[in-house]
Amino acid sequence: MSVERPVHSTTSHMASKTPHGISRSRIVDRTLLTVFLLFIGLPIGWSVGYSLLYSFGLIGHLSSGATLRHWSAAISTGGLGPSVIYSISIASLSTTLAIVGALISVIAFPDARRDRFFLAAVCFPFATPAAVMALLTYQLWNPGGYVSRWSAWIGLVRSPADFPVLVNDPWSIGLVGAQVAVTWPLLMLFLHRTWSAARIDRFCRLAESLGASAWQAKWRVALPMLWSRVRPLCVLSFLTNLGAYELPWVLGRQSPQMLSVFALPRNEQFDLDQRPQAFVLAVVYFLLLGAGVALMVILRRRST
C-alpha cells in the first residue's frame, strides 16, 4: 500500500526561498534594515559623533585639543542639571496625566469610539500643529487673554490683570496642560483601538458572568490589558514631550528651560565659546533619547 506524500507544503516551502536557499522574508528584512541604516541610522550616528567630538573640543572653530572644559562649564555654570531635571519632570508629568486621563476615559466610556462627534473632537487637537496649539493656549490663558476677560466680565475677578498667571508661570501649568492636550488624543485613539482589537469587552463580560461586578471587571481585567499594550507608546509620548520645542518656547518658564529651548540659543549666539555647550546639551539629549528607546523596546518585547 503506497502512501502519497503531501505536495503542497513542500512546494510552498520551496517557493518561499530563492535559488540560493535564502527565504524571501529574510531578504525583505535585510533590505529594510539596510534602508534604515542608510537613511536613518547613518545620519543619527554622524550627528551624535559630530556633537560628541565638538563637545570635547576636538573639532570646531576654536578647537585646541581634547578638553572637558565645555562639559564642566555646561554642568557647573551653564544650567545643564536644572534643565535636564526640569525637562524630565515636565515630560513625565504631562505623559502621566495624559495616560491616566486616557485610561479613565476609555474604561468609563468604552463605546464612545462609535460616536463620530467624539472621534472628531478627539482628532481635532491631535491634528493641530504644536505651534498653533501653543499660540491658542497663550491667547486663552495669559493674563490679558480671552479667559481672563471672560472671568472679569462675569465677575470672577475684578480685572483681567487679577487672573492667575497660567502661562510662563513658575509651575508650568500652561505648558503641562498644552502637552497633555497634544498627547492625550493619541493615547485615547490607541486605547480605543486596542479595546476593539483585543475584544476586551468579551473578557469583561466573562468576568461578570463569574461573579465580578462591572467595575471590578474593568479594574482587574480591562485596565491591566490596556496598560500592558500602551506602555511602549507611553515611553514614545514621553520622548516626544521631552524633545518638544514650540510649546516650551511659547508657554514655558524662563529659568530653568526645557532642554530643547535651552540648547538652541547657545548654538546661535555670536560667542563661539557657547557653541560647544550646545553640543554638550545635544549629546545629553541623545543619551536620554537612547535610554528611552531602549526602554520602549524592552517594554514592547515584554508586552508581546
C-alpha atoms as a PDB file:
ATOM      1  CA  MET A   1       0.000   0.000   0.000  1.00  0.00           C
ATOM      2  CA  SER A   2       1.543   3.272  -1.088  1.00  0.00           C
ATOM      3  CA  VAL A   3       1.148   6.463   0.882  1.00  0.00           C
ATOM      4  CA  GLU A   4       1.058   9.730  -1.017  1.00  0.00           C
ATOM      5  CA  ARG A   5       3.193  12.495   0.383  1.00  0.00           C
ATOM      6  CA  PRO A   6       1.791  15.990   0.742  1.00  0.00           C
ATOM      7  CA  VAL A   7       2.986  18.085  -2.160  1.00  0.00           C
ATOM      8  CA  HIS A   8       1.506  21.484  -1.296  1.00  0.00           C
ATOM      9  CA  SER A   9       3.569  22.172   1.812  1.00  0.00           C
ATOM     10  CA  THR A  10       6.817  21.180   0.112  1.00  0.00           C
ATOM     11  CA  THR A  11       6.075  23.282  -2.918  1.00  0.00           C
ATOM     12  CA  SER A  12       5.125  26.354  -0.871  1.00  0.00           C
ATOM     13  CA  HIS A  13       8.244  25.876   1.257  1.00  0.00           C
ATOM     14  CA  MET A  14      10.437  25.799  -1.828  1.00  0.00           C
ATOM     15  CA  ALA A  15       8.638  28.772  -3.352  1.00  0.00           C
ATOM     16  CA  SER A  16       9.380  30.890  -0.306  1.00  0.00           C
ATOM     17  CA  LYS A  17      13.098  30.536  -0.922  1.00  0.00           C
ATOM     18  CA  THR A  18      15.402  31.975  -3.549  1.00  0.00           C
ATOM     19  CA  PRO A  19      17.688  29.772  -5.690  1.00  0.00           C
ATOM     20  CA  HIS A  20      20.474  30.400  -3.150  1.00  0.00           C
ATOM     21  CA  GLY A  21      18.398  28.980  -0.290  1.00  0.00           C
ATOM     22  CA  ILE A  22      17.583  32.307   1.402  1.00  0.00           C
ATOM     23  CA  SER A  23      13.963  32.885   2.312  1.00  0.00           C
ATOM     24  CA  ARG A  24      12.220  35.883   0.820  1.00  0.00           C
ATOM     25  CA  SER A  25      11.153  37.156   4.221  1.00  0.00           C
ATOM     26  CA  ARG A  26      14.787  37.274   5.285  1.00  0.00           C
ATOM     27  CA  ILE A  27      15.684  39.213   2.143  1.00  0.00           C
ATOM     28  CA  VAL A  28      12.934  41.718   2.897  1.00  0.00           C
ATOM     29  CA  ASP A  29      14.158  42.071   6.489  1.00  0.00           C
ATOM     30  CA  ARG A  30      17.727  42.651   5.338  1.00  0.00           C
ATOM     31  CA  THR A  31      16.594  45.183   2.760  1.00  0.00           C
ATOM     32  CA  LEU A  32      14.577  47.116   5.332  1.00  0.00           C
ATOM     33  CA  LEU A  33      17.486  47.007   7.764  1.00  0.00           C
ATOM     34  CA  THR A  34      19.853  48.338   5.086  1.00  0.00           C
ATOM     35  CA  VAL A  35      17.469  51.159   4.196  1.00  0.00           C
ATOM     36  CA  PHE A  36      17.071  52.016   7.891  1.00  0.00           C
ATOM     37  CA  LEU A  37      20.826  52.126   8.456  1.00  0.00           C
ATOM     38  CA  LEU A  38      21.461  54.248   5.362  1.00  0.00           C
ATOM     39  CA  PHE A  39      18.702  56.829   5.723  1.00  0.00           C
ATOM     40  CA  ILE A  40      18.145  56.916   9.499  1.00  0.00           C
ATOM     41  CA  GLY A  41      20.935  55.211  11.398  1.00  0.00           C
ATOM     42  CA  LEU A  42      23.805  56.782   9.459  1.00  0.00           C
ATOM     43  CA  PRO A  43      22.611  60.428   9.815  1.00  0.00           C
ATOM     44  CA  ILE A  44      21.852  59.920  13.504  1.00  0.00           C
ATOM     45  CA  GLY A  45      25.233  58.286  14.086  1.00  0.00           C
ATOM     46  CA  TRP A  46      27.003  61.090  12.248  1.00  0.00           C
ATOM     47  CA  SER A  47      25.120  63.724  14.268  1.00  0.00           C
ATOM     48  CA  VAL A  48      25.935  62.043  17.574  1.00  0.00           C
ATOM     49  CA  GLY A  49      29.593  61.604  16.635  1.00  0.00           C
ATOM     50  CA  TYR A  50      29.938  65.194  15.440  1.00  0.00           C
ATOM     51  CA  SER A  51      28.262  66.542  18.585  1.00  0.00           C
ATOM     52  CA  LEU A  52      30.450  64.382  20.806  1.00  0.00           C
ATOM     53  CA  LEU A  53      33.672  65.494  19.106  1.00  0.00           C
ATOM     54  CA  TYR A  54      32.593  69.144  19.204  1.00  0.00           C
ATOM     55  CA  SER A  55      31.673  68.949  22.887  1.00  0.00           C
ATOM     56  CA  PHE A  56      35.150  67.631  23.740  1.00  0.00           C
ATOM     57  CA  GLY A  57      36.860  70.349  21.700  1.00  0.00           C
ATOM     58  CA  LEU A  58      38.260  68.021  19.058  1.00  0.00           C
ATOM     59  CA  ILE A  59      36.638  69.899  16.165  1.00  0.00           C
ATOM     60  CA  GLY A  60      35.253  73.399  15.737  1.00  0.00           C
ATOM     61  CA  HIS A  61      36.477  76.892  15.001  1.00  0.00           C
ATOM     62  CA  LEU A  62      38.175  77.306  18.373  1.00  0.00           C
ATOM     63  CA  SER A  63      39.229  73.717  18.978  1.00  0.00           C
ATOM     64  CA  SER A  64      42.532  73.336  20.823  1.00  0.00           C
ATOM     65  CA  GLY A  65      42.590  69.625  21.568  1.00  0.00           C
ATOM     66  CA  ALA A  66      40.665  67.311  23.835  1.00  0.00           C
ATOM     67  CA  THR A  67      39.226  69.052  26.862  1.00  0.00           C
ATOM     68  CA  LEU A  68      36.445  68.692  29.422  1.00  0.00           C
ATOM     69  CA  ARG A  69      36.128  72.454  29.814  1.00  0.00           C
ATOM     70  CA  HIS A  70      32.869  72.684  27.887  1.00  0.00           C
ATOM     71  CA  TRP A  71      31.256  69.841  29.838  1.00  0.00           C
ATOM     72  CA  SER A  72      32.368  71.393  33.114  1.00  0.00           C
ATOM     73  CA  ALA A  73      31.012  74.796  32.086  1.00  0.00           C
ATOM     74  CA  ALA A  74      27.692  73.305  30.977  1.00  0.00           C
ATOM     75  CA  ILE A  75      27.279  71.392  34.234  1.00  0.00           C
ATOM     76  CA  SER A  76      28.553  73.978  36.713  1.00  0.00           C
ATOM     77  CA  THR A  77      27.556  77.370  35.299  1.00  0.00           C
ATOM     78  CA  GLY A  78      25.564  76.549  32.180  1.00  0.00           C
ATOM     79  CA  GLY A  79      22.485  75.245  33.961  1.00  0.00           C
ATOM     80  CA  LEU A  80      22.581  71.775  32.412  1.00  0.00           C
ATOM     81  CA  GLY A  81      21.489  69.958  35.582  1.00  0.00           C
ATOM     82  CA  PRO A  82      18.404  72.063  36.332  1.00  0.00           C
ATOM     83  CA  SER A  83      17.400  71.993  32.659  1.00  0.00           C
ATOM     84  CA  VAL A  84      17.592  68.196  32.472  1.00  0.00           C
ATOM     85  CA  ILE A  85      15.669  67.770  35.732  1.00  0.00           C
ATOM     86  CA  TYR A  86      13.052  70.292  34.651  1.00  0.00           C
ATOM     87  CA  SER A  87      12.654  68.693  31.206  1.00  0.00           C
ATOM     88  CA  ILE A  88      12.287  65.180  32.604  1.00  0.00           C
ATOM     89  CA  SER A  89       9.828  66.383  35.241  1.00  0.00           C
ATOM     90  CA  ILE A  90       7.606  68.236  32.768  1.00  0.00           C
ATOM     91  CA  ALA A  91       7.663  65.381  30.246  1.00  0.00           C
ATOM     92  CA  SER A  92       6.918  62.797  32.950  1.00  0.00           C
ATOM     93  CA  LEU A  93       4.066  64.822  34.455  1.00  0.00           C
ATOM     94  CA  SER A  94       2.496  65.542  31.055  1.00  0.00           C
ATOM     95  CA  THR A  95       2.716  61.918  29.949  1.00  0.00           C
ATOM     96  CA  THR A  96       1.361  60.631  33.263  1.00  0.00           C
ATOM     97  CA  LEU A  97      -1.639  62.958  33.229  1.00  0.00           C
ATOM     98  CA  ALA A  98      -2.339  62.114  29.584  1.00  0.00           C
ATOM     99  CA  ILE A  99      -2.224  58.332  30.070  1.00  0.00           C
ATOM    100  CA  VAL A 100      -4.272  58.462  33.286  1.00  0.00           C
ATOM    101  CA  GLY A 101      -6.900  60.614  31.584  1.00  0.00           C
ATOM    102  CA  ALA A 102      -6.958  58.373  28.518  1.00  0.00           C
ATOM    103  CA  LEU A 103      -7.302  55.182  30.586  1.00  0.00           C
ATOM    104  CA  ILE A 104     -10.097  56.642  32.703  1.00  0.00           C
ATOM    105  CA  SER A 105     -11.947  57.898  29.629  1.00  0.00           C
ATOM    106  CA  VAL A 106     -11.699  54.605  27.754  1.00  0.00           C
ATOM    107  CA  ILE A 107     -12.670  52.469  30.732  1.00  0.00           C
ATOM    108  CA  ALA A 108     -15.563  54.747  31.693  1.00  0.00           C
ATOM    109  CA  PHE A 109     -16.854  55.212  28.132  1.00  0.00           C
ATOM    110  CA  PRO A 110     -15.681  52.246  26.023  1.00  0.00           C
ATOM    111  CA  ASP A 111     -18.482  52.712  23.466  1.00  0.00           C
ATOM    112  CA  ALA A 112     -17.544  56.321  22.714  1.00  0.00           C
ATOM    113  CA  ARG A 113     -15.405  55.098  19.820  1.00  0.00           C
ATOM    114  CA  ARG A 114     -18.601  54.551  17.819  1.00  0.00           C
ATOM    115  CA  ASP A 115     -19.595  58.214  18.122  1.00  0.00           C
ATOM    116  CA  ARG A 116     -18.377  60.252  15.152  1.00  0.00           C
ATOM    117  CA  PHE A 117     -18.646  63.535  17.008  1.00  0.00           C
ATOM    118  CA  PHE A 118     -16.458  62.160  19.794  1.00  0.00           C
ATOM    119  CA  LEU A 119     -13.823  60.977  17.317  1.00  0.00           C
ATOM    120  CA  ALA A 120     -13.884  64.362  15.585  1.00  0.00           C
ATOM    121  CA  ALA A 121     -13.431  66.133  18.925  1.00  0.00           C
ATOM    122  CA  VAL A 122     -10.504  63.851  19.791  1.00  0.00           C
ATOM    123  CA  CYS A 123      -8.835  64.177  16.403  1.00  0.00           C
ATOM    124  CA  PHE A 124      -9.060  67.980  16.361  1.00  0.00           C
ATOM    125  CA  PRO A 125      -6.306  68.646  18.963  1.00  0.00           C
ATOM    126  CA  PHE A 126      -4.350  65.673  17.631  1.00  0.00           C
ATOM    127  CA  ALA A 127      -4.290  67.218  14.143  1.00  0.00           C
ATOM    128  CA  THR A 128      -3.428  70.700  15.438  1.00  0.00           C
ATOM    129  CA  PRO A 129       0.269  71.594  14.984  1.00  0.00           C
ATOM    130  CA  ALA A 130       2.234  72.203  18.150  1.00  0.00           C
ATOM    131  CA  ALA A 131       2.952  75.845  17.239  1.00  0.00           C
ATOM    132  CA  VAL A 132      -0.755  76.525  16.714  1.00  0.00           C
ATOM    133  CA  MET A 133      -1.606  74.790  19.993  1.00  0.00           C
ATOM    134  CA  ALA A 134       0.968  76.935  21.779  1.00  0.00           C
ATOM    135  CA  LEU A 135      -0.479  80.167  20.364  1.00  0.00           C
ATOM    136  CA  LEU A 136      -4.058  79.109  21.141  1.00  0.00           C
ATOM    137  CA  THR A 137      -3.132  78.230  24.718  1.00  0.00           C
ATOM    138  CA  TYR A 138      -1.334  81.527  25.168  1.00  0.00           C
ATOM    139  CA  GLN A 139      -4.241  83.531  23.748  1.00  0.00           C
ATOM    140  CA  LEU A 140      -6.684  81.741  26.038  1.00  0.00           C
ATOM    141  CA  TRP A 141      -4.837  81.660  29.351  1.00  0.00           C
ATOM    142  CA  ASN A 142      -2.467  84.624  29.520  1.00  0.00           C
ATOM    143  CA  PRO A 143      -3.488  87.418  31.969  1.00  0.00           C
ATOM    144  CA  GLY A 144      -4.821  89.515  29.104  1.00  0.00           C
ATOM    145  CA  GLY A 145      -6.326  86.610  27.172  1.00  0.00           C
ATOM    146  CA  TYR A 146      -9.872  85.539  26.478  1.00  0.00           C
ATOM    147  CA  VAL A 147     -10.420  83.526  29.667  1.00  0.00           C
ATOM    148  CA  SER A 148      -9.244  86.375  31.902  1.00  0.00           C
ATOM    149  CA  ARG A 149     -11.528  88.821  30.087  1.00  0.00           C
ATOM    150  CA  TRP A 150     -14.498  86.479  30.333  1.00  0.00           C
ATOM    151  CA  SER A 151     -13.767  85.967  34.021  1.00  0.00           C
ATOM    152  CA  ALA A 152     -13.710  89.730  34.578  1.00  0.00           C
ATOM    153  CA  TRP A 153     -16.897  90.159  32.549  1.00  0.00           C
ATOM    154  CA  ILE A 154     -18.873  87.654  34.649  1.00  0.00           C
ATOM    155  CA  GLY A 155     -17.383  88.950  37.900  1.00  0.00           C
ATOM    156  CA  LEU A 156     -14.980  86.173  38.909  1.00  0.00           C
ATOM    157  CA  VAL A 157     -12.069  88.637  39.067  1.00  0.00           C
ATOM    158  CA  ARG A 158     -12.014  92.416  39.296  1.00  0.00           C
ATOM    159  CA  SER A 159      -9.910  92.930  36.177  1.00  0.00           C
ATOM    160  CA  PRO A 160      -8.088  90.724  33.666  1.00  0.00           C
ATOM    161  CA  ALA A 161      -4.814  91.589  35.422  1.00  0.00           C
ATOM    162  CA  ASP A 162      -6.069  89.788  38.558  1.00  0.00           C
ATOM    163  CA  PHE A 163      -6.434  86.497  36.689  1.00  0.00           C
ATOM    164  CA  PRO A 164      -3.912  83.844  37.789  1.00  0.00           C
ATOM    165  CA  VAL A 165      -0.794  83.523  35.648  1.00  0.00           C
ATOM    166  CA  LEU A 166      -1.083  80.176  33.854  1.00  0.00           C
ATOM    167  CA  VAL A 167       1.430  80.657  31.034  1.00  0.00           C
ATOM    168  CA  ASN A 168       5.130  81.386  31.503  1.00  0.00           C
ATOM    169  CA  ASP A 169       4.379  80.691  35.170  1.00  0.00           C
ATOM    170  CA  PRO A 170       6.757  79.202  37.775  1.00  0.00           C
ATOM    171  CA  TRP A 171       4.765  75.943  37.939  1.00  0.00           C
ATOM    172  CA  SER A 172       4.475  75.497  34.141  1.00  0.00           C
ATOM    173  CA  ILE A 173       0.734  74.881  34.375  1.00  0.00           C
ATOM    174  CA  GLY A 174       0.026  76.132  30.877  1.00  0.00           C
ATOM    175  CA  LEU A 175       2.882  74.118  29.391  1.00  0.00           C
ATOM    176  CA  VAL A 176       1.778  70.891  31.059  1.00  0.00           C
ATOM    177  CA  GLY A 177      -1.834  71.481  30.035  1.00  0.00           C
ATOM    178  CA  ALA A 178      -0.857  72.058  26.406  1.00  0.00           C
ATOM    179  CA  GLN A 179       1.331  68.956  26.289  1.00  0.00           C
ATOM    180  CA  VAL A 180      -1.474  66.893  27.811  1.00  0.00           C
ATOM    181  CA  ALA A 181      -3.881  68.263  25.196  1.00  0.00           C
ATOM    182  CA  VAL A 182      -1.483  67.179  22.448  1.00  0.00           C
ATOM    183  CA  THR A 183      -0.596  63.764  23.917  1.00  0.00           C
ATOM    184  CA  TRP A 184      -3.985  62.648  25.246  1.00  0.00           C
ATOM    185  CA  PRO A 185      -5.778  62.207  21.869  1.00  0.00           C
ATOM    186  CA  LEU A 186      -3.094  59.845  20.529  1.00  0.00           C
ATOM    187  CA  LEU A 187      -3.271  57.671  23.634  1.00  0.00           C
ATOM    188  CA  MET A 188      -7.061  57.793  23.564  1.00  0.00           C
ATOM    189  CA  LEU A 189      -7.296  56.615  19.952  1.00  0.00           C
ATOM    190  CA  PHE A 190      -4.747  53.871  20.563  1.00  0.00           C
ATOM    191  CA  LEU A 191      -6.581  52.589  23.642  1.00  0.00           C
ATOM    192  CA  HIS A 192      -9.916  52.567  21.849  1.00  0.00           C
ATOM    193  CA  ARG A 193      -8.330  50.632  19.012  1.00  0.00           C
ATOM    194  CA  THR A 194      -6.802  48.210  21.500  1.00  0.00           C
ATOM    195  CA  TRP A 195     -10.173  47.743  23.194  1.00  0.00           C
ATOM    196  CA  SER A 196     -11.697  46.658  19.878  1.00  0.00           C
ATOM    197  CA  ALA A 197      -8.755  44.588  18.626  1.00  0.00           C
ATOM    198  CA  ALA A 198      -8.256  42.674  21.888  1.00  0.00           C
ATOM    199  CA  ARG A 199     -12.038  42.299  22.405  1.00  0.00           C
ATOM    200  CA  ILE A 200     -11.710  43.421  25.980  1.00  0.00           C
ATOM    201  CA  ASP A 201     -15.471  43.757  26.319  1.00  0.00           C
ATOM    202  CA  ARG A 202     -15.792  39.966  25.990  1.00  0.00           C
ATOM    203  CA  PHE A 203     -13.301  39.398  28.793  1.00  0.00           C
ATOM    204  CA  CYS A 204     -15.221  41.873  30.949  1.00  0.00           C
ATOM    205  CA  ARG A 205     -18.488  40.045  30.304  1.00  0.00           C
ATOM    206  CA  LEU A 206     -16.802  36.747  31.132  1.00  0.00           C
ATOM    207  CA  ALA A 207     -15.570  38.182  34.432  1.00  0.00           C
ATOM    208  CA  GLU A 208     -19.058  39.468  35.206  1.00  0.00           C
ATOM    209  CA  SER A 209     -20.527  36.028  34.471  1.00  0.00           C
ATOM    210  CA  LEU A 210     -18.115  34.585  37.043  1.00  0.00           C
ATOM    211  CA  GLY A 211     -19.397  36.932  39.735  1.00  0.00           C
ATOM    212  CA  ALA A 212     -17.418  40.148  39.331  1.00  0.00           C
ATOM    213  CA  SER A 213     -19.153  43.484  39.241  1.00  0.00           C
ATOM    214  CA  ALA A 214     -18.903  45.749  36.206  1.00  0.00           C
ATOM    215  CA  TRP A 215     -16.390  47.990  37.997  1.00  0.00           C
ATOM    216  CA  GLN A 216     -14.286  45.036  39.162  1.00  0.00           C
ATOM    217  CA  ALA A 217     -14.212  43.618  35.636  1.00  0.00           C
ATOM    218  CA  LYS A 218     -12.952  46.890  34.215  1.00  0.00           C
ATOM    219  CA  TRP A 219     -10.464  47.464  37.048  1.00  0.00           C
ATOM    220  CA  ARG A 220      -8.994  43.953  37.205  1.00  0.00           C
ATOM    221  CA  VAL A 221      -9.404  42.820  33.589  1.00  0.00           C
ATOM    222  CA  ALA A 222      -9.663  45.769  31.214  1.00  0.00           C
ATOM    223  CA  LEU A 223      -7.119  48.051  32.902  1.00  0.00           C
ATOM    224  CA  PRO A 224      -4.227  45.507  33.007  1.00  0.00           C
ATOM    225  CA  MET A 225      -4.860  44.502  29.396  1.00  0.00           C
ATOM    226  CA  LEU A 226      -4.843  48.111  28.233  1.00  0.00           C
ATOM    227  CA  TRP A 227      -1.813  49.057  30.307  1.00  0.00           C
ATOM    228  CA  SER A 228       0.300  46.141  29.067  1.00  0.00           C
ATOM    229  CA  ARG A 229      -0.249  47.276  25.474  1.00  0.00           C
ATOM    230  CA  VAL A 230       0.069  51.024  25.917  1.00  0.00           C
ATOM    231  CA  ARG A 231       3.344  51.076  27.880  1.00  0.00           C
ATOM    232  CA  PRO A 232       5.640  51.347  24.825  1.00  0.00           C
ATOM    233  CA  LEU A 233       3.511  54.190  23.488  1.00  0.00           C
ATOM    234  CA  CYS A 234       3.811  55.959  26.856  1.00  0.00           C
ATOM    235  CA  VAL A 235       7.602  55.925  26.505  1.00  0.00           C
ATOM    236  CA  LEU A 236       7.290  57.296  22.968  1.00  0.00           C
ATOM    237  CA  SER A 237       4.964  60.052  24.205  1.00  0.00           C
ATOM    238  CA  PHE A 238       7.430  60.874  26.966  1.00  0.00           C
ATOM    239  CA  LEU A 239      10.248  61.239  24.442  1.00  0.00           C
ATOM    240  CA  THR A 240       8.042  63.444  22.273  1.00  0.00           C
ATOM    241  CA  ASN A 241       7.250  65.724  25.213  1.00  0.00           C
ATOM    242  CA  LEU A 242      10.906  65.724  26.241  1.00  0.00           C
ATOM    243  CA  GLY A 243      12.040  66.966  22.836  1.00  0.00           C
ATOM    244  CA  ALA A 244       9.188  69.406  22.227  1.00  0.00           C
ATOM    245  CA  TYR A 245      10.235  72.905  21.221  1.00  0.00           C
ATOM    246  CA  GLU A 246       7.261  75.086  20.215  1.00  0.00           C
ATOM    247  CA  LEU A 247       5.204  74.548  23.360  1.00  0.00           C
ATOM    248  CA  PRO A 248       8.050  75.162  25.857  1.00  0.00           C
ATOM    249  CA  TRP A 249       9.309  78.112  23.827  1.00  0.00           C
ATOM    250  CA  VAL A 250       5.944  79.918  23.942  1.00  0.00           C
ATOM    251  CA  LEU A 251       4.499  78.694  27.245  1.00  0.00           C
ATOM    252  CA  GLY A 252       7.461  77.596  29.376  1.00  0.00           C
ATOM    253  CA  ARG A 253       9.288  79.433  32.107  1.00  0.00           C
ATOM    254  CA  GLN A 254      12.497  81.364  31.565  1.00  0.00           C
ATOM    255  CA  SER A 255      14.670  79.563  34.102  1.00  0.00           C
ATOM    256  CA  PRO A 256      15.190  76.676  34.026  1.00  0.00           C
ATOM    257  CA  GLN A 257      14.128  75.934  30.465  1.00  0.00           C
ATOM    258  CA  MET A 258      13.320  72.753  28.627  1.00  0.00           C
ATOM    259  CA  LEU A 259      16.372  71.113  27.110  1.00  0.00           C
ATOM    260  CA  SER A 260      15.379  71.871  23.513  1.00  0.00           C
ATOM    261  CA  VAL A 261      14.777  75.574  24.222  1.00  0.00           C
ATOM    262  CA  PHE A 262      17.869  75.750  26.427  1.00  0.00           C
ATOM    263  CA  ALA A 263      20.226  74.386  23.761  1.00  0.00           C
ATOM    264  CA  LEU A 264      19.227  76.385  20.682  1.00  0.00           C
ATOM    265  CA  PRO A 265      20.341  79.898  21.784  1.00  0.00           C
ATOM    266  CA  ARG A 266      23.820  78.608  22.625  1.00  0.00           C
ATOM    267  CA  ASN A 267      24.224  77.384  19.077  1.00  0.00           C
ATOM    268  CA  GLU A 268      23.060  80.685  17.528  1.00  0.00           C
ATOM    269  CA  GLN A 269      24.906  83.155  19.757  1.00  0.00           C
ATOM    270  CA  PHE A 270      27.791  85.208  18.418  1.00  0.00           C
ATOM    271  CA  ASP A 271      30.005  83.980  21.256  1.00  0.00           C
ATOM    272  CA  LEU A 272      31.670  80.890  19.797  1.00  0.00           C
ATOM    273  CA  ASP A 273      32.650  79.703  23.282  1.00  0.00           C
ATOM    274  CA  GLN A 274      28.967  78.984  23.926  1.00  0.00           C
ATOM    275  CA  ARG A 275      28.561  76.764  20.870  1.00  0.00           C
ATOM    276  CA  PRO A 276      30.361  73.688  22.300  1.00  0.00           C
ATOM    277  CA  GLN A 277      27.967  73.805  25.259  1.00  0.00           C
ATOM    278  CA  ALA A 278      25.090  73.474  22.786  1.00  0.00           C
ATOM    279  CA  PHE A 279      26.652  70.265  21.514  1.00  0.00           C
ATOM    280  CA  VAL A 280      27.056  69.094  25.118  1.00  0.00           C
ATOM    281  CA  LEU A 281      23.299  69.518  25.514  1.00  0.00           C
ATOM    282  CA  ALA A 282      22.759  67.683  22.227  1.00  0.00           C
ATOM    283  CA  VAL A 283      24.815  64.723  23.463  1.00  0.00           C
ATOM    284  CA  VAL A 284      22.867  64.652  26.734  1.00  0.00           C
ATOM    285  CA  TYR A 285      19.604  64.692  24.806  1.00  0.00           C
ATOM    286  CA  PHE A 286      20.781  61.841  22.568  1.00  0.00           C
ATOM    287  CA  LEU A 287      21.664  59.824  25.686  1.00  0.00           C
ATOM    288  CA  LEU A 288      18.214  60.409  27.169  1.00  0.00           C
ATOM    289  CA  LEU A 289      16.620  59.551  23.838  1.00  0.00           C
ATOM    290  CA  GLY A 290      18.640  56.349  23.520  1.00  0.00           C
ATOM    291  CA  ALA A 291      17.701  55.283  27.046  1.00  0.00           C
ATOM    292  CA  GLY A 292      14.043  55.920  26.266  1.00  0.00           C
ATOM    293  CA  VAL A 293      14.178  53.954  23.004  1.00  0.00           C
ATOM    294  CA  ALA A 294      15.884  51.032  24.747  1.00  0.00           C
ATOM    295  CA  LEU A 295      13.197  51.067  27.437  1.00  0.00           C
ATOM    296  CA  MET A 296      10.481  51.167  24.775  1.00  0.00           C
ATOM    297  CA  VAL A 297      11.980  48.127  23.002  1.00  0.00           C
ATOM    298  CA  ILE A 298      12.177  46.206  26.285  1.00  0.00           C
ATOM    299  CA  LEU A 299       8.563  47.007  27.148  1.00  0.00           C
ATOM    300  CA  ARG A 300       7.489  46.106  23.623  1.00  0.00           C
ATOM    301  CA  ARG A 301       9.138  42.692  23.873  1.00  0.00           C
ATOM    302  CA  ARG A 302       7.567  42.050  27.264  1.00  0.00           C
ATOM    303  CA  SER A 303       4.107  43.028  26.041  1.00  0.00           C
ATOM    304  CA  THR A 304       4.360  40.596  23.132  1.00  0.00           C
END
